């Protein structure tokens, strides 16, 4: 496997592995655990939304701190430890209000670390930024293994063991962060003014709005996909296998994404990602009981997350230079995964009891709207440049 000289490849990859393995325990099975403990759809939607909503505040706050200090790794270590300690609150009790407080505190720190770790990874890569996907794919591998192995586990063990497993994965994430060394990423002495100038450039706001709509469409998926499958009669192993299949497709894409970025411009890739995402949600809405169709829809995760995320990382790298990269990553995370995902989860929680399949049709419509926005507003702006044309 190719690695640039002096790159701490396995340590960077290990952090992504544990971070997304924890997510692989949370996304498919947390909703099932809540349903097993008697929470209704509205409560599950709200508790799922909190994890996403803190991305609106936490990454931007941590991005501003990193921009001023130039020490993102110190913040990553602090956030990883605090996330672990806050998550331990789930072992105290699990009534609704207590879980609201615990998830809000835990996710405030957990959501703050990933955008800064993206900055650290890109700083290590330097001019080899195109190979970001070869490191990031280990996050996908961690997610796949967690989802599949937990599917096997929960076929024979109680869902109540899930919090202990997630806590162990968070511990691994923190320990990996201690093994890395700080790299210079640049400071911004007066970040606010320059940052707002970047946002006024053509196409920047429209890109983030399209990204927000895409993550809005993932709200029903993250909050209720496992419950949707369970209602269709699928067991934990099949549910875990379908989740894993989607991320396998993402991994395959990440291994060749650096080549795709050399062939296609970002606008083309974004439009393709959005339209294929719309197809994915429509298929899930219409064919929820057909395993073969659901399997094909899961392969489209390569578009709805894989290529769209790689495009966003490259977009932020181009537009938010120097000390603003952390803030750019935070804005992307907060506006898309945070605000978009949280609103999508809340909306799906309100709709689910009466219109389960319609929530995925709503998701498909959001992607079509995002594609129309990207087609209209991103014509002729610098995202037309491929990586090779843009230079290294």
Protein backbone atom coordinates (compact mmCIF):
# COMPACT_ATOMS: atom_id res chain seq x y z
CA UNK A 1 0.00 0.00 0.00
CA UNK A 2 1.37 3.43 -0.96
CA UNK A 3 2.29 5.85 1.83
CA UNK A 4 4.15 9.19 1.66
CA UNK A 5 7.54 9.33 3.42
CA UNK A 6 7.43 9.74 7.21
CA UNK A 7 3.65 9.45 7.32
CA UNK A 8 2.28 7.81 10.53
CA UNK A 9 -0.13 5.88 8.34
CA UNK A 10 -1.31 3.24 10.79
CA UNK A 11 -1.77 5.64 13.68
CA UNK A 12 -3.85 8.01 11.56
CA UNK A 13 -5.77 5.04 10.15
CA UNK A 14 -6.24 3.65 13.66
CA UNK A 15 -7.96 6.78 14.89
CA UNK A 16 -10.42 6.65 12.00
CA UNK A 17 -10.89 2.94 12.65
CA UNK A 18 -11.96 3.36 16.29
CA UNK A 19 -13.97 6.55 15.67
CA UNK A 20 -16.11 4.94 12.99
CA UNK A 21 -16.26 1.57 14.71
CA UNK A 22 -17.97 3.41 17.59
CA UNK A 23 -20.32 4.94 15.03
CA UNK A 24 -20.88 1.46 13.59
CA UNK A 25 -22.11 0.38 17.00
CA UNK A 26 -24.29 3.44 17.40
CA UNK A 27 -26.08 3.96 14.08
CA UNK A 28 -27.54 0.50 13.37
CA UNK A 29 -28.19 -0.58 16.94
CA UNK A 30 -28.78 2.42 19.20
CA UNK A 31 -32.30 2.95 17.85
CA UNK A 32 -33.03 -0.76 18.31
CA UNK A 33 -31.80 -0.51 21.91
CA UNK A 34 -34.04 2.50 22.56
CA UNK A 35 -37.03 0.74 21.00
CA UNK A 36 -36.27 -2.34 23.09
CA UNK A 37 -36.35 -0.16 26.21
CA UNK A 38 -39.77 1.25 25.30
CA UNK A 39 -39.05 4.62 23.69
CA UNK A 40 -41.48 5.72 20.96
CA UNK A 41 -40.58 7.02 17.48
CA UNK A 42 -40.66 10.70 18.45
CA UNK A 43 -38.28 10.10 21.38
CA UNK A 44 -35.94 7.99 19.22
CA UNK A 45 -35.93 10.70 16.55
CA UNK A 46 -35.09 13.38 19.11
CA UNK A 47 -32.34 11.35 20.78
CA UNK A 48 -30.86 10.60 17.35
CA UNK A 49 -31.08 14.27 16.37
CA UNK A 50 -29.13 15.41 19.43
CA UNK A 51 -26.05 13.50 18.27
CA UNK A 52 -26.23 15.39 14.98
CA UNK A 53 -27.35 18.75 16.34
CA UNK A 54 -24.23 19.22 18.47
CA UNK A 55 -22.26 19.17 15.22
CA UNK A 56 -23.65 22.64 14.54
CA UNK A 57 -21.89 24.12 17.58
CA UNK A 58 -19.05 21.83 18.62
CA UNK A 59 -16.97 21.62 15.40
CA UNK A 60 -17.18 25.38 14.83
CA UNK A 61 -16.14 26.16 18.40
CA UNK A 62 -13.28 23.68 18.25
CA UNK A 63 -12.34 24.90 14.77
CA UNK A 64 -12.04 28.46 16.03
CA UNK A 65 -9.89 27.31 18.96
CA UNK A 66 -7.64 25.28 16.67
CA UNK A 67 -7.29 28.22 14.28
CA UNK A 68 -6.08 30.46 17.11
CA UNK A 69 -3.80 27.95 18.84
CA UNK A 70 -2.49 26.00 15.86
CA UNK A 71 -2.66 22.85 18.03
CA UNK A 72 -5.56 20.71 16.79
CA UNK A 73 -4.07 17.47 18.15
CA UNK A 74 -4.22 18.75 21.74
CA UNK A 75 -7.93 19.46 21.24
CA UNK A 76 -8.43 16.03 19.70
CA UNK A 77 -6.91 14.32 22.74
CA UNK A 78 -8.99 16.40 25.16
CA UNK A 79 -12.19 15.84 23.19
CA UNK A 80 -11.63 12.09 22.89
CA UNK A 81 -11.13 11.72 26.64
CA UNK A 82 -14.13 13.91 27.53
CA UNK A 83 -16.34 12.03 25.05
CA UNK A 84 -15.46 8.75 26.76
CA UNK A 85 -16.11 10.13 30.26
CA UNK A 86 -19.44 11.69 29.29
CA UNK A 87 -20.62 8.53 27.54
CA UNK A 88 -20.12 6.60 30.76
CA UNK A 89 -23.26 8.37 31.98
CA UNK A 90 -25.39 5.81 30.12
CA UNK A 91 -24.41 3.29 32.79
CA UNK A 92 -25.94 5.45 35.54
CA UNK A 93 -29.52 5.36 34.28
CA UNK A 94 -31.49 5.53 31.00
CA UNK A 95 -34.61 7.61 31.45
CA UNK A 96 -35.37 10.06 28.64
CA UNK A 97 -34.19 13.35 30.19
CA UNK A 98 -30.99 11.78 31.52
CA UNK A 99 -30.18 10.36 28.08
CA UNK A 100 -30.81 13.76 26.51
CA UNK A 101 -28.19 15.28 28.83
CA UNK A 102 -25.69 12.44 28.42
CA UNK A 103 -25.92 12.31 24.62
CA UNK A 104 -25.67 16.10 24.36
CA UNK A 105 -22.52 16.18 26.51
CA UNK A 106 -20.93 13.14 24.88
CA UNK A 107 -21.63 14.24 21.32
CA UNK A 108 -20.40 17.81 21.98
CA UNK A 109 -16.90 16.43 22.46
CA UNK A 110 -17.16 13.48 20.06
CA UNK A 111 -18.36 15.65 17.18
CA UNK A 112 -15.66 18.23 17.82
CA UNK A 113 -12.70 15.93 17.22
CA UNK A 114 -13.26 14.57 13.71
CA UNK A 115 -13.02 17.84 11.71
CA UNK A 116 -9.79 18.65 13.52
CA UNK A 117 -8.45 15.17 12.85
CA UNK A 118 -9.16 15.72 9.14
CA UNK A 119 -6.92 18.80 9.37
CA UNK A 120 -4.18 16.81 11.11
CA UNK A 121 -4.37 14.09 8.46
CA UNK A 122 -4.13 16.59 5.60
CA UNK A 123 -1.22 18.33 7.35
CA UNK A 124 0.65 15.02 7.48
CA UNK A 125 -0.14 14.34 3.83
CA UNK A 126 1.03 17.80 2.71
CA UNK A 127 1.24 17.80 -1.12
CA UNK A 128 0.00 14.18 -1.24
CA UNK A 129 -3.54 15.21 -0.30
CA UNK A 130 -5.08 13.07 -3.05
CA UNK A 131 -4.28 9.98 -0.97
CA UNK A 132 -6.48 11.09 1.91
CA UNK A 133 -9.02 8.42 0.91
CA UNK A 134 -6.49 5.62 1.45
CA UNK A 135 -6.28 6.61 5.12
CA UNK A 136 -9.95 7.47 5.58
CA UNK A 137 -11.01 4.07 4.25
CA UNK A 138 -9.88 2.53 7.55
CA UNK A 139 -12.73 4.36 9.21
CA UNK A 140 -15.04 2.57 6.83
CA UNK A 141 -13.37 -0.75 7.60
CA UNK A 142 -13.86 -0.12 11.33
CA UNK A 143 -17.53 0.67 10.71
CA UNK A 144 -18.01 -2.50 8.64
CA UNK A 145 -16.38 -4.78 11.18
CA UNK A 146 -18.30 -3.24 14.07
CA UNK A 147 -21.65 -3.48 12.31
CA UNK A 148 -21.16 -7.04 11.09
CA UNK A 149 -19.61 -8.45 14.25
CA UNK A 150 -22.25 -6.78 16.41
CA UNK A 151 -24.94 -8.26 14.17
CA UNK A 152 -23.51 -11.68 14.99
CA UNK A 153 -23.22 -10.74 18.66
CA UNK A 154 -26.77 -9.47 19.03
CA UNK A 155 -28.16 -12.58 17.38
CA UNK A 156 -27.21 -14.36 20.62
CA UNK A 157 -26.75 -11.61 23.23
CA UNK A 158 -28.85 -8.78 24.62
CA UNK A 159 -28.85 -5.30 23.08
CA UNK A 160 -28.12 -3.97 26.58
CA UNK A 161 -24.45 -4.91 26.06
CA UNK A 162 -24.11 -2.22 23.36
CA UNK A 163 -23.06 0.70 25.65
CA UNK A 164 -20.12 -1.27 27.07
CA UNK A 165 -18.88 -2.10 23.56
CA UNK A 166 -19.11 1.53 22.44
CA UNK A 167 -17.20 2.64 25.56
CA UNK A 168 -14.34 0.27 24.73
CA UNK A 169 -14.13 1.65 21.19
CA UNK A 170 -14.03 5.22 22.52
CA UNK A 171 -11.19 4.20 24.82
CA UNK A 172 -9.26 2.88 21.82
CA UNK A 173 -9.80 6.16 19.97
CA UNK A 174 -8.39 8.20 22.86
CA UNK A 175 -5.34 5.93 23.25
CA UNK A 176 -4.54 6.22 19.53
CA UNK A 177 -4.68 10.03 19.77
CA UNK A 178 -1.97 9.91 22.46
CA UNK A 179 0.42 8.13 20.06
CA UNK A 180 0.41 10.93 17.45
CA UNK A 181 2.63 14.00 17.35
CA UNK A 182 1.49 17.56 16.66
CA UNK A 183 2.17 18.92 13.17
CA UNK A 184 2.14 22.58 12.16
CA UNK A 185 -1.14 23.51 10.46
CA UNK A 186 -0.89 27.29 10.58
CA UNK A 187 -2.61 29.89 12.70
CA UNK A 188 -5.02 32.63 11.80
CA UNK A 189 -4.39 35.82 13.74
CA UNK A 190 -7.72 37.35 12.64
CA UNK A 191 -9.78 34.45 11.33
CA UNK A 192 -13.23 35.98 11.36
CA UNK A 193 -12.87 38.62 8.62
CA UNK A 194 -11.01 36.41 6.18
CA UNK A 195 -13.34 33.53 6.93
CA UNK A 196 -16.43 35.56 5.99
CA UNK A 197 -14.72 36.69 2.79
CA UNK A 198 -14.32 33.05 1.82
CA UNK A 199 -18.00 32.41 2.43
CA UNK A 200 -18.90 35.26 0.05
CA UNK A 201 -17.08 33.62 -2.84
CA UNK A 202 -19.38 32.31 -5.61
CA UNK A 203 -20.80 28.87 -4.98
CA UNK A 204 -19.49 28.37 -1.43
CA UNK A 205 -22.78 28.85 0.43
CA UNK A 206 -24.68 26.90 -2.23
CA UNK A 207 -22.28 23.99 -1.83
CA UNK A 208 -22.88 23.87 1.91
CA UNK A 209 -26.65 24.11 1.45
CA UNK A 210 -26.56 21.19 -1.00
CA UNK A 211 -24.46 19.22 1.49
CA UNK A 212 -26.98 20.05 4.22
CA UNK A 213 -29.87 18.77 2.11
CA UNK A 214 -27.95 15.56 1.42
CA UNK A 215 -27.44 14.95 5.13
CA UNK A 216 -31.07 15.87 5.82
CA UNK A 217 -31.90 12.95 3.54
CA UNK A 218 -29.79 10.66 5.75
CA UNK A 219 -31.88 11.51 8.83
CA UNK A 220 -34.44 8.71 8.34
CA UNK A 221 -31.63 6.29 7.48
CA UNK A 222 -29.52 6.90 10.56
CA UNK A 223 -32.45 7.07 12.97
CA UNK A 224 -34.85 4.44 11.63
CA UNK A 225 -33.33 2.20 8.94
CA UNK A 226 -32.67 -0.65 11.39
CA UNK A 227 -36.15 -0.28 12.88
CA UNK A 228 -37.59 -0.23 9.35
CA UNK A 229 -35.84 -3.52 8.57
CA UNK A 230 -36.82 -5.07 11.90
CA UNK A 231 -40.47 -4.20 11.19
CA UNK A 232 -40.10 -6.06 7.88
CA UNK A 233 -39.03 -9.14 9.84
CA UNK A 234 -35.26 -8.97 9.35
CA UNK A 235 -33.02 -10.20 12.19
CA UNK A 236 -29.92 -8.49 13.64
CA UNK A 237 -27.48 -10.41 11.42
CA UNK A 238 -29.23 -9.45 8.17
CA UNK A 239 -29.65 -5.86 9.36
CA UNK A 240 -25.95 -5.67 10.20
CA UNK A 241 -25.03 -7.26 6.88
CA UNK A 242 -27.02 -4.66 4.92
CA UNK A 243 -25.39 -1.81 6.85
CA UNK A 244 -21.98 -3.40 6.24
CA UNK A 245 -22.64 -3.83 2.52
CA UNK A 246 -23.16 -0.10 2.14
CA UNK A 247 -19.85 0.71 3.76
CA UNK A 248 -18.03 -2.00 1.77
CA UNK A 249 -19.10 -0.10 -1.33
CA UNK A 250 -17.78 3.08 0.29
CA UNK A 251 -14.41 1.42 0.99
CA UNK A 252 -14.06 0.25 -2.61
CA UNK A 253 -14.77 3.78 -3.78
CA UNK A 254 -12.25 5.32 -1.38
CA UNK A 255 -9.48 3.08 -2.76
CA UNK A 256 -9.90 4.63 -6.24
CA UNK A 257 -11.19 8.09 -5.32
CA UNK A 258 -7.80 9.74 -5.89
CA UNK A 259 -7.97 8.55 -9.52
CA UNK A 260 -11.58 9.66 -9.96
CA UNK A 261 -10.66 13.15 -8.71
CA UNK A 262 -8.08 13.32 -11.50
CA UNK A 263 -10.71 12.54 -14.15
CA UNK A 264 -13.88 14.34 -13.12
CA UNK A 265 -14.55 17.81 -11.79
CA UNK A 266 -16.14 18.32 -8.38
CA UNK A 267 -19.44 19.62 -9.75
CA UNK A 268 -19.94 16.49 -11.87
CA UNK A 269 -19.11 14.23 -8.95
CA UNK A 270 -21.45 16.11 -6.62
CA UNK A 271 -24.36 15.97 -9.08
CA UNK A 272 -23.85 12.24 -9.63
CA UNK A 273 -23.67 11.65 -5.86
CA UNK A 274 -26.91 13.55 -5.22
CA UNK A 275 -28.91 11.88 -7.97
CA UNK A 276 -27.75 8.40 -7.00
CA UNK A 277 -28.63 9.21 -3.39
CA UNK A 278 -32.15 10.14 -4.47
CA UNK A 279 -32.42 6.78 -6.24
CA UNK A 280 -31.20 5.00 -3.11
CA UNK A 281 -33.85 6.49 -0.81
CA UNK A 282 -36.63 5.95 -3.37
CA UNK A 283 -35.74 2.25 -3.67
CA UNK A 284 -35.75 1.82 0.11
CA UNK A 285 -39.15 3.55 0.33
CA UNK A 286 -40.75 1.43 -2.37
CA UNK A 287 -39.10 -1.98 -1.86
CA UNK A 288 -38.54 -2.25 1.90
CA UNK A 289 -39.21 -6.00 1.98
CA UNK A 290 -37.09 -6.99 -1.04
CA UNK A 291 -33.60 -8.00 0.11
CA UNK A 292 -32.07 -7.87 -3.39
CA UNK A 293 -33.31 -4.30 -3.99
CA UNK A 294 -32.21 -3.21 -0.51
CA UNK A 295 -28.77 -4.69 -1.18
CA UNK A 296 -28.48 -2.69 -4.42
CA UNK A 297 -29.64 0.44 -2.61
CA UNK A 298 -26.94 -0.11 0.01
CA UNK A 299 -24.29 -0.23 -2.71
CA UNK A 300 -25.32 3.34 -3.54
CA UNK A 301 -23.87 4.36 -0.17
CA UNK A 302 -20.67 4.76 -2.19
CA UNK A 303 -22.37 7.81 -3.71
CA UNK A 304 -24.56 9.13 -0.90
CA UNK A 305 -21.64 9.20 1.52
CA UNK A 306 -18.39 8.07 -0.12
CA UNK A 307 -17.98 10.29 -3.17
CA UNK A 308 -19.96 13.20 -1.72
CA UNK A 309 -17.73 13.30 1.38
CA UNK A 310 -14.52 13.08 -0.65
CA UNK A 311 -15.77 15.94 -2.84
CA UNK A 312 -16.56 18.03 0.25
CA UNK A 313 -13.12 17.42 1.78
CA UNK A 314 -11.49 18.52 -1.47
CA UNK A 315 -13.80 21.54 -1.76
CA UNK A 316 -12.87 22.71 1.75
CA UNK A 317 -9.18 22.11 1.08
CA UNK A 318 -9.29 24.38 -1.97
CA UNK A 319 -11.36 27.20 -0.52
CA UNK A 320 -10.32 27.35 3.15
CA UNK A 321 -6.55 27.70 3.08
CA UNK A 322 -4.05 27.82 5.92
CA UNK A 323 -5.42 28.49 9.39
CA UNK A 324 -9.00 28.44 8.06
CA UNK A 325 -9.04 24.75 7.16
CA UNK A 326 -10.22 23.71 10.62
CA UNK A 327 -13.04 26.24 10.46
CA UNK A 328 -13.95 25.12 6.95
CA UNK A 329 -14.11 21.49 8.03
CA UNK A 330 -16.15 22.51 11.06
CA UNK A 331 -18.61 24.46 8.92
CA UNK A 332 -19.03 21.53 6.57
CA UNK A 333 -19.57 19.13 9.47
CA UNK A 334 -21.87 21.48 11.36
CA UNK A 335 -24.06 22.59 8.49
CA UNK A 336 -24.39 19.22 6.77
CA UNK A 337 -24.01 16.38 9.28
CA UNK A 338 -25.14 18.66 12.11
CA UNK A 339 -28.05 20.88 11.09
CA UNK A 340 -29.07 18.84 8.05
CA UNK A 341 -28.87 15.48 9.79
CA UNK A 342 -30.58 16.69 12.96
CA UNK A 343 -33.53 18.25 11.13
CA UNK A 344 -33.85 15.10 9.03
CA UNK A 345 -33.89 12.89 12.13
CA UNK A 346 -36.46 15.10 13.87
CA UNK A 347 -38.71 15.21 10.80
CA UNK A 348 -38.52 11.45 10.36
CA UNK A 349 -39.33 10.91 14.05
CA UNK A 350 -42.49 12.96 13.69
CA UNK A 351 -43.53 11.19 10.48
CA UNK A 352 -42.47 7.65 11.25
CA UNK A 353 -45.42 6.26 13.19
CA UNK A 354 -47.93 7.11 10.43
CA UNK A 355 -45.79 7.32 7.28
CA UNK A 356 -42.67 5.17 7.65
CA UNK A 357 -41.91 4.65 3.94
CA UNK A 358 -42.81 8.27 3.14
CA UNK A 359 -39.87 9.47 5.21
CA UNK A 360 -37.52 7.89 2.67
CA UNK A 361 -39.50 9.48 -0.18
CA UNK A 362 -38.97 12.81 1.61
CA UNK A 363 -35.25 12.01 1.69
CA UNK A 364 -35.23 11.34 -2.07
CA UNK A 365 -36.95 14.67 -2.74
CA UNK A 366 -34.34 16.51 -0.66
CA UNK A 367 -31.56 15.02 -2.81
CA UNK A 368 -33.28 16.04 -6.03
CA UNK A 369 -33.59 19.59 -4.67
CA UNK A 370 -29.89 19.58 -3.71
CA UNK A 371 -28.94 18.39 -7.21
CA UNK A 372 -30.96 21.20 -8.80
CA UNK A 373 -29.21 23.73 -6.56
CA UNK A 374 -25.75 22.35 -7.36
CA UNK A 375 -26.48 22.29 -11.09
CA UNK A 376 -27.71 25.91 -11.05
CA UNK A 377 -25.35 27.60 -8.58
CA UNK A 378 -22.05 25.77 -9.17
CA UNK A 379 -21.80 26.40 -12.89
CA UNK A 380 -18.60 28.20 -13.85
CA UNK A 381 -17.06 28.40 -10.36
CA UNK A 382 -13.62 26.91 -9.53
CA UNK A 383 -15.09 23.53 -8.55
CA UNK A 384 -15.02 22.88 -12.30
CA UNK A 385 -11.27 22.29 -11.96
CA UNK A 386 -10.08 18.75 -11.47
CA UNK A 387 -7.31 18.04 -9.00
CA UNK A 388 -4.79 17.65 -11.81
CA UNK A 389 -5.81 20.98 -13.36
CA UNK A 390 -5.83 22.71 -10.02
CA UNK A 391 -2.24 21.75 -9.27
CA UNK A 392 -0.59 20.09 -6.28
